Amino acid sequence: MWPNAVANALSRFEWAFKQPGRYLNASQAYSPGIEVEDARDDLEWAMRHLPPGAKRDLGRLIARIDEKFERRTLPEPNYIELAIFGWWWTTMRER
């Protein structure tokens, strides 16, 4: 990973969660490669490579992020094939 990759991923979620509304707004997505789903991929990758103590700490943050992300998105059955990349790719935002 590149320097500050985890901090960058966390800041993308912080920005997204500050947006108003019940659901995350699809029109506020930046562009492919820097959306919150990509940020969640980065966090998952980091978890696989961290030592145990750091992994536990980041895992607690990710658990809170996942809970909020799941609450602010809708399930999208048409994206089920993307589940191999992570459950967060099988959700959609308000349209």
PDB file of N, CA and C in Angstrom:
ATOM      1  N   MET A   1       0.842  -1.187   0.000  1.00  0.00           N
ATOM      2  CA  MET A   1       0.000   0.000   0.000  1.00  0.00           C
ATOM      3  C   MET A   1       0.883   1.246   0.000  1.00  0.00           C
ATOM      4  N   TRP A   2       0.325   2.331  -0.370  1.00  0.00           N
ATOM      5  CA  TRP A   2       1.041   3.590  -0.420  1.00  0.00           C
ATOM      6  C   TRP A   2       0.936   4.291   0.941  1.00  0.00           C
ATOM      7  N   PRO A   3       1.799   5.270   1.204  1.00  0.00           N
ATOM      8  CA  PRO A   3       1.722   5.998   2.483  1.00  0.00           C
ATOM      9  C   PRO A   3       0.342   6.634   2.673  1.00  0.00           C
ATOM     10  N   ASN A   4      -0.177   6.544   3.867  1.00  0.00           N
ATOM     11  CA  ASN A   4      -1.468   7.127   4.253  1.00  0.00           C
ATOM     12  C   ASN A   4      -2.674   6.495   3.563  1.00  0.00           C
ATOM     13  N   ALA A   5      -2.530   5.302   3.012  1.00  0.00           N
ATOM     14  CA  ALA A   5      -3.643   4.652   2.312  1.00  0.00           C
ATOM     15  C   ALA A   5      -4.810   4.387   3.263  1.00  0.00           C
ATOM     16  N   VAL A   6      -4.531   3.925   4.468  1.00  0.00           N
ATOM     17  CA  VAL A   6      -5.603   3.638   5.427  1.00  0.00           C
ATOM     18  C   VAL A   6      -6.265   4.940   5.856  1.00  0.00           C
ATOM     19  N   ALA A   7      -5.469   5.954   6.151  1.00  0.00           N
ATOM     20  CA  ALA A   7      -6.036   7.251   6.547  1.00  0.00           C
ATOM     21  C   ALA A   7      -6.895   7.823   5.420  1.00  0.00           C
ATOM     22  N   ASN A   8      -6.443   7.680   4.192  1.00  0.00           N
ATOM     23  CA  ASN A   8      -7.210   8.165   3.046  1.00  0.00           C
ATOM     24  C   ASN A   8      -8.538   7.421   2.942  1.00  0.00           C
ATOM     25  N   ALA A   9      -8.511   6.105   3.095  1.00  0.00           N
ATOM     26  CA  ALA A   9      -9.745   5.315   3.020  1.00  0.00           C
ATOM     27  C   ALA A   9     -10.709   5.727   4.130  1.00  0.00           C
ATOM     28  N   LEU A  10     -10.197   5.903   5.330  1.00  0.00           N
ATOM     29  CA  LEU A  10     -11.054   6.317   6.443  1.00  0.00           C
ATOM     30  C   LEU A  10     -11.655   7.696   6.203  1.00  0.00           C
ATOM     31  N   SER A  11     -10.881   8.591   5.603  1.00  0.00           N
ATOM     32  CA  SER A  11     -11.403   9.938   5.344  1.00  0.00           C
ATOM     33  C   SER A  11     -12.497   9.922   4.271  1.00  0.00           C
ATOM     34  N   ARG A  12     -12.431   8.991   3.322  1.00  0.00           N
ATOM     35  CA  ARG A  12     -13.500   8.886   2.318  1.00  0.00           C
ATOM     36  C   ARG A  12     -14.813   8.483   2.980  1.00  0.00           C
ATOM     37  N   PHE A  13     -14.733   7.562   3.948  1.00  0.00           N
ATOM     38  CA  PHE A  13     -15.946   7.191   4.668  1.00  0.00           C
ATOM     39  C   PHE A  13     -16.439   8.354   5.522  1.00  0.00           C
ATOM     40  N   GLU A  14     -15.524   9.063   6.161  1.00  0.00           N
ATOM     41  CA  GLU A  14     -15.927  10.205   6.985  1.00  0.00           C
ATOM     42  C   GLU A  14     -16.666  11.225   6.129  1.00  0.00           C
ATOM     43  N   TRP A  15     -16.153  11.515   4.946  1.00  0.00           N
ATOM     44  CA  TRP A  15     -16.798  12.467   4.048  1.00  0.00           C
ATOM     45  C   TRP A  15     -18.187  11.960   3.651  1.00  0.00           C
ATOM     46  N   ALA A  16     -18.274  10.683   3.255  1.00  0.00           N
ATOM     47  CA  ALA A  16     -19.552  10.132   2.799  1.00  0.00           C
ATOM     48  C   ALA A  16     -20.591  10.145   3.908  1.00  0.00           C
ATOM     49  N   PHE A  17     -20.185   9.805   5.122  1.00  0.00           N
ATOM     50  CA  PHE A  17     -21.136   9.727   6.226  1.00  0.00           C
ATOM     51  C   PHE A  17     -21.586  11.102   6.712  1.00  0.00           C
ATOM     52  N   LYS A  18     -20.860  12.141   6.379  1.00  0.00           N
ATOM     53  CA  LYS A  18     -21.274  13.497   6.760  1.00  0.00           C
ATOM     54  C   LYS A  18     -22.357  14.051   5.833  1.00  0.00           C
ATOM     55  N   GLN A  19     -22.557  13.399   4.691  1.00  0.00           N
ATOM     56  CA  GLN A  19     -23.546  13.890   3.736  1.00  0.00           C
ATOM     57  C   GLN A  19     -24.943  13.694   4.309  1.00  0.00           C
ATOM     58  N   PRO A  20     -25.846  14.629   4.053  1.00  0.00           N
ATOM     59  CA  PRO A  20     -27.202  14.528   4.608  1.00  0.00           C
ATOM     60  C   PRO A  20     -28.012  13.428   3.919  1.00  0.00           C
ATOM     61  N   GLY A  21     -29.061  13.029   4.578  1.00  0.00           N
ATOM     62  CA  GLY A  21     -29.986  12.060   4.003  1.00  0.00           C
ATOM     63  C   GLY A  21     -29.895  10.708   4.669  1.00  0.00           C
ATOM     64  N   ARG A  22     -30.940   9.943   4.495  1.00  0.00           N
ATOM     65  CA  ARG A  22     -31.008   8.603   5.076  1.00  0.00           C
ATOM     66  C   ARG A  22     -30.026   7.667   4.392  1.00  0.00           C
ATOM     67  N   TYR A  23     -29.948   7.760   3.054  1.00  0.00           N
ATOM     68  CA  TYR A  23     -29.066   6.898   2.282  1.00  0.00           C
ATOM     69  C   TYR A  23     -27.953   7.718   1.658  1.00  0.00           C
ATOM     70  N   LEU A  24     -26.849   7.049   1.363  1.00  0.00           N
ATOM     71  CA  LEU A  24     -25.774   7.723   0.647  1.00  0.00           C
ATOM     72  C   LEU A  24     -26.286   8.094  -0.731  1.00  0.00           C
ATOM     73  N   ASN A  25     -25.937   9.257  -1.187  1.00  0.00           N
ATOM     74  CA  ASN A  25     -26.440   9.781  -2.450  1.00  0.00           C
ATOM     75  C   ASN A  25     -25.524   9.348  -3.593  1.00  0.00           C
ATOM     76  N   ALA A  26     -26.095   8.667  -4.580  1.00  0.00           N
ATOM     77  CA  ALA A  26     -25.310   8.186  -5.715  1.00  0.00           C
ATOM     78  C   ALA A  26     -24.729   9.331  -6.536  1.00  0.00           C
ATOM     79  N   SER A  27     -25.391  10.470  -6.564  1.00  0.00           N
ATOM     80  CA  SER A  27     -24.885  11.590  -7.368  1.00  0.00           C
ATOM     81  C   SER A  27     -23.669  12.236  -6.727  1.00  0.00           C
ATOM     82  N   GLN A  28     -23.394  11.911  -5.460  1.00  0.00           N
ATOM     83  CA  GLN A  28     -22.236  12.503  -4.797  1.00  0.00           C
ATOM     84  C   GLN A  28     -21.004  11.620  -4.859  1.00  0.00           C
ATOM     85  N   ALA A  29     -21.086  10.503  -5.569  1.00  0.00           N
ATOM     86  CA  ALA A  29     -19.914   9.648  -5.738  1.00  0.00           C
ATOM     87  C   ALA A  29     -18.896  10.404  -6.582  1.00  0.00           C
ATOM     88  N   TYR A  30     -17.665  10.330  -6.180  1.00  0.00           N
ATOM     89  CA  TYR A  30     -16.611  11.038  -6.920  1.00  0.00           C
ATOM     90  C   TYR A  30     -16.458  10.456  -8.311  1.00  0.00           C
ATOM     91  N   SER A  31     -15.794   9.352  -8.413  1.00  0.00           N
ATOM     92  CA  SER A  31     -15.575   8.675  -9.681  1.00  0.00           C
ATOM     93  C   SER A  31     -15.024   7.281  -9.379  1.00  0.00           C
ATOM     94  N   PRO A  32     -15.061   6.385 -10.354  1.00  0.00           N
ATOM     95  CA  PRO A  32     -14.545   5.035 -10.098  1.00  0.00           C
ATOM     96  C   PRO A  32     -13.110   5.080  -9.584  1.00  0.00           C
ATOM     97  N   GLY A  33     -12.842   4.243  -8.604  1.00  0.00           N
ATOM     98  CA  GLY A  33     -11.499   4.172  -8.031  1.00  0.00           C
ATOM     99  C   GLY A  33     -11.346   4.931  -6.737  1.00  0.00           C
ATOM    100  N   ILE A  34     -12.222   5.899  -6.481  1.00  0.00           N
ATOM    101  CA  ILE A  34     -12.093   6.650  -5.231  1.00  0.00           C
ATOM    102  C   ILE A  34     -13.406   6.741  -4.465  1.00  0.00           C
ATOM    103  N   GLU A  35     -14.302   5.813  -4.717  1.00  0.00           N
ATOM    104  CA  GLU A  35     -15.563   5.785  -3.991  1.00  0.00           C
ATOM    105  C   GLU A  35     -15.386   5.016  -2.690  1.00  0.00           C
ATOM    106  N   VAL A  36     -16.404   5.035  -1.830  1.00  0.00           N
ATOM    107  CA  VAL A  36     -16.279   4.367  -0.538  1.00  0.00           C
ATOM    108  C   VAL A  36     -16.134   2.858  -0.688  1.00  0.00           C
ATOM    109  N   GLU A  37     -16.708   2.263  -1.713  1.00  0.00           N
ATOM    110  CA  GLU A  37     -16.519   0.828  -1.923  1.00  0.00           C
ATOM    111  C   GLU A  37     -15.045   0.508  -2.179  1.00  0.00           C
ATOM    112  N   ASP A  38     -14.386   1.373  -2.936  1.00  0.00           N
ATOM    113  CA  ASP A  38     -12.953   1.201  -3.169  1.00  0.00           C
ATOM    114  C   ASP A  38     -12.167   1.417  -1.878  1.00  0.00           C
ATOM    115  N   ALA A  39     -12.612   2.369  -1.080  1.00  0.00           N
ATOM    116  CA  ALA A  39     -11.973   2.607   0.212  1.00  0.00           C
ATOM    117  C   ALA A  39     -12.114   1.382   1.107  1.00  0.00           C
ATOM    118  N   ARG A  40     -13.281   0.746   1.052  1.00  0.00           N
ATOM    119  CA  ARG A  40     -13.485  -0.469   1.870  1.00  0.00           C
ATOM    120  C   ARG A  40     -12.586  -1.594   1.383  1.00  0.00           C
ATOM    121  N   ASP A  41     -12.354  -1.681   0.076  1.00  0.00           N
ATOM    122  CA  ASP A  41     -11.389  -2.645  -0.463  1.00  0.00           C
ATOM    123  C   ASP A  41      -9.998  -2.389   0.116  1.00  0.00           C
ATOM    124  N   ASP A  42      -9.602  -1.127   0.170  1.00  0.00           N
ATOM    125  CA  ASP A  42      -8.285  -0.766   0.713  1.00  0.00           C
ATOM    126  C   ASP A  42      -8.163  -1.187   2.175  1.00  0.00           C
ATOM    127  N   LEU A  43      -9.228  -0.971   2.941  1.00  0.00           N
ATOM    128  CA  LEU A  43      -9.203  -1.360   4.354  1.00  0.00           C
ATOM    129  C   LEU A  43      -9.114  -2.880   4.493  1.00  0.00           C
ATOM    130  N   GLU A  44      -9.805  -3.593   3.650  1.00  0.00           N
ATOM    131  CA  GLU A  44      -9.753  -5.064   3.677  1.00  0.00           C
ATOM    132  C   GLU A  44      -8.345  -5.552   3.363  1.00  0.00           C
ATOM    133  N   TRP A  45      -7.728  -4.945   2.394  1.00  0.00           N
ATOM    134  CA  TRP A  45      -6.373  -5.324   2.016  1.00  0.00           C
ATOM    135  C   TRP A  45      -5.416  -5.040   3.168  1.00  0.00           C
ATOM    136  N   ALA A  46      -5.565  -3.901   3.798  1.00  0.00           N
ATOM    137  CA  ALA A  46      -4.705  -3.553   4.932  1.00  0.00           C
ATOM    138  C   ALA A  46      -4.866  -4.564   6.064  1.00  0.00           C
ATOM    139  N   MET A  47      -6.097  -4.983   6.326  1.00  0.00           N
ATOM    140  CA  MET A  47      -6.345  -5.949   7.400  1.00  0.00           C
ATOM    141  C   MET A  47      -5.578  -7.248   7.172  1.00  0.00           C
ATOM    142  N   ARG A  48      -5.411  -7.643   5.948  1.00  0.00           N
ATOM    143  CA  ARG A  48      -4.694  -8.890   5.646  1.00  0.00           C
ATOM    144  C   ARG A  48      -3.201  -8.788   5.893  1.00  0.00           C
ATOM    145  N   HIS A  49      -2.681  -7.566   6.007  1.00  0.00           N
ATOM    146  CA  HIS A  49      -1.231  -7.391   6.091  1.00  0.00           C
ATOM    147  C   HIS A  49      -0.747  -6.730   7.376  1.00  0.00           C
ATOM    148  N   LEU A  50      -1.647  -6.441   8.286  1.00  0.00           N
ATOM    149  CA  LEU A  50      -1.255  -5.792   9.537  1.00  0.00           C
ATOM    150  C   LEU A  50      -0.870  -6.810  10.605  1.00  0.00           C
ATOM    151  N   PRO A  51       0.004  -6.404  11.524  1.00  0.00           N
ATOM    152  CA  PRO A  51       0.293  -7.269  12.667  1.00  0.00           C
ATOM    153  C   PRO A  51      -0.942  -7.353  13.572  1.00  0.00           C
ATOM    154  N   PRO A  52      -1.002  -8.358  14.445  1.00  0.00           N
ATOM    155  CA  PRO A  52      -2.214  -8.614  15.234  1.00  0.00           C
ATOM    156  C   PRO A  52      -2.782  -7.419  16.000  1.00  0.00           C
ATOM    157  N   GLY A  53      -1.980  -6.644  16.689  1.00  0.00           N
ATOM    158  CA  GLY A  53      -2.490  -5.510  17.468  1.00  0.00           C
ATOM    159  C   GLY A  53      -3.140  -4.449  16.589  1.00  0.00           C
ATOM    160  N   ALA A  54      -2.457  -4.073  15.524  1.00  0.00           N
ATOM    161  CA  ALA A  54      -2.991  -3.070  14.603  1.00  0.00           C
ATOM    162  C   ALA A  54      -4.226  -3.605  13.885  1.00  0.00           C
ATOM    163  N   LYS A  55      -4.208  -4.897  13.610  1.00  0.00           N
ATOM    164  CA  LYS A  55      -5.354  -5.534  12.948  1.00  0.00           C
ATOM    165  C   LYS A  55      -6.596  -5.452  13.834  1.00  0.00           C
ATOM    166  N   ARG A  56      -6.443  -5.686  15.130  1.00  0.00           N
ATOM    167  CA  ARG A  56      -7.586  -5.574  16.050  1.00  0.00           C
ATOM    168  C   ARG A  56      -8.111  -4.150  16.099  1.00  0.00           C
ATOM    169  N   ASP A  57      -7.200  -3.184  16.196  1.00  0.00           N
ATOM    170  CA  ASP A  57      -7.614  -1.781  16.262  1.00  0.00           C
ATOM    171  C   ASP A  57      -8.358  -1.352  15.002  1.00  0.00           C
ATOM    172  N   LEU A  58      -7.800  -1.663  13.857  1.00  0.00           N
ATOM    173  CA  LEU A  58      -8.455  -1.297  12.605  1.00  0.00           C
ATOM    174  C   LEU A  58      -9.758  -2.077  12.445  1.00  0.00           C
ATOM    175  N   GLY A  59      -9.775  -3.306  12.885  1.00  0.00           N
ATOM    176  CA  GLY A  59     -10.983  -4.117  12.811  1.00  0.00           C
ATOM    177  C   GLY A  59     -12.148  -3.496  13.564  1.00  0.00           C
ATOM    178  N   ARG A  60     -11.868  -2.881  14.712  1.00  0.00           N
ATOM    179  CA  ARG A  60     -12.931  -2.203  15.462  1.00  0.00           C
ATOM    180  C   ARG A  60     -13.473  -1.008  14.684  1.00  0.00           C
ATOM    181  N   LEU A  61     -12.599  -0.255  14.048  1.00  0.00           N
ATOM    182  CA  LEU A  61     -13.056   0.869  13.210  1.00  0.00           C
ATOM    183  C   LEU A  61     -13.879   0.374  12.029  1.00  0.00           C
ATOM    184  N   ILE A  62     -13.403  -0.669  11.388  1.00  0.00           N
ATOM    185  CA  ILE A  62     -14.099  -1.214  10.225  1.00  0.00           C
ATOM    186  C   ILE A  62     -15.479  -1.726  10.609  1.00  0.00           C
ATOM    187  N   ALA A  63     -15.600  -2.344  11.765  1.00  0.00           N
ATOM    188  CA  ALA A  63     -16.909  -2.844  12.207  1.00  0.00           C
ATOM    189  C   ALA A  63     -17.909  -1.702  12.319  1.00  0.00           C
ATOM    190  N   ARG A  64     -17.479  -0.557  12.856  1.00  0.00           N
ATOM    191  CA  ARG A  64     -18.378   0.602  12.959  1.00  0.00           C
ATOM    192  C   ARG A  64     -18.700   1.168  11.580  1.00  0.00           C
ATOM    193  N   ILE A  65     -17.698   1.215  10.710  1.00  0.00           N
ATOM    194  CA  ILE A  65     -17.908   1.700   9.340  1.00  0.00           C
ATOM    195  C   ILE A  65     -18.898   0.803   8.608  1.00  0.00           C
ATOM    196  N   ASP A  66     -18.688  -0.506   8.722  1.00  0.00           N
ATOM    197  CA  ASP A  66     -19.572  -1.449   8.029  1.00  0.00           C
ATOM    198  C   ASP A  66     -21.016  -1.306   8.498  1.00  0.00           C
ATOM    199  N   GLU A  67     -21.190  -1.149   9.801  1.00  0.00           N
ATOM    200  CA  GLU A  67     -22.545  -0.995  10.341  1.00  0.00           C
ATOM    201  C   GLU A  67     -23.231   0.236   9.759  1.00  0.00           C
ATOM    202  N   LYS A  68     -22.502   1.345   9.747  1.00  0.00           N
ATOM    203  CA  LYS A  68     -23.081   2.589   9.222  1.00  0.00           C
ATOM    204  C   LYS A  68     -23.277   2.505   7.711  1.00  0.00           C
ATOM    205  N   PHE A  69     -22.327   1.922   7.008  1.00  0.00           N
ATOM    206  CA  PHE A  69     -22.430   1.788   5.555  1.00  0.00           C
ATOM    207  C   PHE A  69     -23.629   0.925   5.190  1.00  0.00           C
ATOM    208  N   GLU A  70     -23.813  -0.176   5.901  1.00  0.00           N
ATOM    209  CA  GLU A  70     -24.943  -1.060   5.637  1.00  0.00           C
ATOM    210  C   GLU A  70     -26.269  -0.360   5.921  1.00  0.00           C
ATOM    211  N   ARG A  71     -26.284   0.468   6.948  1.00  0.00           N
ATOM    212  CA  ARG A  71     -27.505   1.196   7.305  1.00  0.00           C
ATOM    213  C   ARG A  71     -27.837   2.277   6.282  1.00  0.00           C
ATOM    214  N   ARG A  72     -26.833   2.818   5.601  1.00  0.00           N
ATOM    215  CA  ARG A  72     -27.053   3.937   4.687  1.00  0.00           C
ATOM    216  C   ARG A  72     -27.054   3.539   3.218  1.00  0.00           C
ATOM    217  N   THR A  73     -27.100   2.238   2.944  1.00  0.00           N
ATOM    218  CA  THR A  73     -27.220   1.765   1.564  1.00  0.00           C
ATOM    219  C   THR A  73     -28.369   0.761   1.491  1.00  0.00           C
ATOM    220  N   LEU A  74     -28.700   0.378   0.298  1.00  0.00           N
ATOM    221  CA  LEU A  74     -29.786  -0.583   0.061  1.00  0.00           C
ATOM    222  C   LEU A  74     -29.211  -1.832  -0.599  1.00  0.00           C
ATOM    223  N   PRO A  75     -29.772  -2.996  -0.306  1.00  0.00           N
ATOM    224  CA  PRO A  75     -29.309  -4.208  -0.993  1.00  0.00           C
ATOM    225  C   PRO A  75     -29.646  -4.133  -2.480  1.00  0.00           C
ATOM    226  N   GLU A  76     -28.768  -4.621  -3.293  1.00  0.00           N
ATOM    227  CA  GLU A  76     -28.983  -4.628  -4.740  1.00  0.00           C
ATOM    228  C   GLU A  76     -28.812  -6.051  -5.260  1.00  0.00           C
ATOM    229  N   PRO A  77     -29.911  -6.794  -5.403  1.00  0.00           N
ATOM    230  CA  PRO A  77     -29.818  -8.194  -5.829  1.00  0.00           C
ATOM    231  C   PRO A  77     -29.165  -8.378  -7.194  1.00  0.00           C
ATOM    232  N   ASN A  78     -29.237  -7.389  -8.055  1.00  0.00           N
ATOM    233  CA  ASN A  78     -28.626  -7.504  -9.382  1.00  0.00           C
ATOM    234  C   ASN A  78     -27.105  -7.474  -9.335  1.00  0.00           C
ATOM    235  N   TYR A  79     -26.533  -7.090  -8.201  1.00  0.00           N
ATOM    236  CA  TYR A  79     -25.080  -7.015  -8.070  1.00  0.00           C
ATOM    237  C   TYR A  79     -24.508  -8.216  -7.323  1.00  0.00           C
ATOM    238  N   ILE A  80     -25.297  -9.255  -7.104  1.00  0.00           N
ATOM    239  CA  ILE A  80     -24.877 -10.370  -6.262  1.00  0.00           C
ATOM    240  C   ILE A  80     -23.579 -11.018  -6.750  1.00  0.00           C
ATOM    241  N   GLU A  81     -23.339 -11.008  -8.056  1.00  0.00           N
ATOM    242  CA  GLU A  81     -22.100 -11.606  -8.567  1.00  0.00           C
ATOM    243  C   GLU A  81     -20.861 -10.846  -8.078  1.00  0.00           C
ATOM    244  N   LEU A  82     -21.039  -9.616  -7.644  1.00  0.00           N
ATOM    245  CA  LEU A  82     -19.912  -8.840  -7.124  1.00  0.00           C
ATOM    246  C   LEU A  82     -19.555  -9.196  -5.687  1.00  0.00           C
ATOM    247  N   ALA A  83     -20.336 -10.065  -5.064  1.00  0.00           N
ATOM    248  CA  ALA A  83     -20.085 -10.453  -3.673  1.00  0.00           C
ATOM    249  C   ALA A  83     -18.708 -11.098  -3.504  1.00  0.00           C
ATOM    250  N   ILE A  84     -18.150 -11.644  -4.567  1.00  0.00           N
ATOM    251  CA  ILE A  84     -16.815 -12.237  -4.445  1.00  0.00           C
ATOM    252  C   ILE A  84     -15.769 -11.180  -4.102  1.00  0.00           C
ATOM    253  N   PHE A  85     -16.056  -9.925  -4.408  1.00  0.00           N
ATOM    254  CA  PHE A  85     -15.143  -8.838  -4.084  1.00  0.00           C
ATOM    255  C   PHE A  85     -15.375  -8.279  -2.693  1.00  0.00           C
ATOM    256  N   GLY A  86     -16.526  -8.527  -2.116  1.00  0.00           N
ATOM    257  CA  GLY A  86     -16.883  -8.025  -0.788  1.00  0.00           C
ATOM    258  C   GLY A  86     -18.352  -7.656  -0.760  1.00  0.00           C
ATOM    259  N   TRP A  87     -18.990  -7.860   0.380  1.00  0.00           N
ATOM    260  CA  TRP A  87     -20.438  -7.590   0.480  1.00  0.00           C
ATOM    261  C   TRP A  87     -20.773  -6.141   0.143  1.00  0.00           C
ATOM    262  N   TRP A  88     -19.853  -5.226   0.398  1.00  0.00           N
ATOM    263  CA  TRP A  88     -20.122  -3.802   0.161  1.00  0.00           C
ATOM    264  C   TRP A  88     -20.331  -3.495  -1.314  1.00  0.00           C
ATOM    265  N   TRP A  89     -19.955  -4.382  -2.211  1.00  0.00           N
ATOM    266  CA  TRP A  89     -20.192  -4.176  -3.640  1.00  0.00           C
ATOM    267  C   TRP A  89     -21.591  -4.627  -4.050  1.00  0.00           C
ATOM    268  N   THR A  90     -22.353  -5.224  -3.127  1.00  0.00           N
ATOM    269  CA  THR A  90     -23.698  -5.690  -3.461  1.00  0.00           C
ATOM    270  C   THR A  90     -24.762  -4.742  -2.911  1.00  0.00           C
ATOM    271  N   THR A  91     -24.396  -3.492  -2.727  1.00  0.00           N
ATOM    272  CA  THR A  91     -25.339  -2.488  -2.246  1.00  0.00           C
ATOM    273  C   THR A  91     -25.463  -1.378  -3.275  1.00  0.00           C
ATOM    274  N   MET A  92     -26.511  -0.590  -3.110  1.00  0.00           N
ATOM    275  CA  MET A  92     -26.675   0.578  -3.980  1.00  0.00           C
ATOM    276  C   MET A  92     -27.032   1.781  -3.116  1.00  0.00           C
ATOM    277  N   ARG A  93     -26.824   2.904  -3.683  1.00  0.00           N
ATOM    278  CA  ARG A  93     -27.175   4.161  -3.018  1.00  0.00           C
ATOM    279  C   ARG A  93     -28.509   4.645  -3.525  1.00  0.00           C
ATOM    280  N   GLU A  94     -29.054   5.612  -2.841  1.00  0.00           N
ATOM    281  CA  GLU A  94     -30.301   6.233  -3.298  1.00  0.00           C
ATOM    282  C   GLU A  94     -30.091   6.789  -4.695  1.00  0.00           C
ATOM    283  N   ARG A  95     -31.083   6.635  -5.527  1.00  0.00           N
ATOM    284  CA  ARG A  95     -30.947   7.154  -6.914  1.00  0.00           C
ATOM    285  C   ARG A  95     -31.892   8.298  -7.138  1.00  0.00           C
TER     286      ARG A  95
END
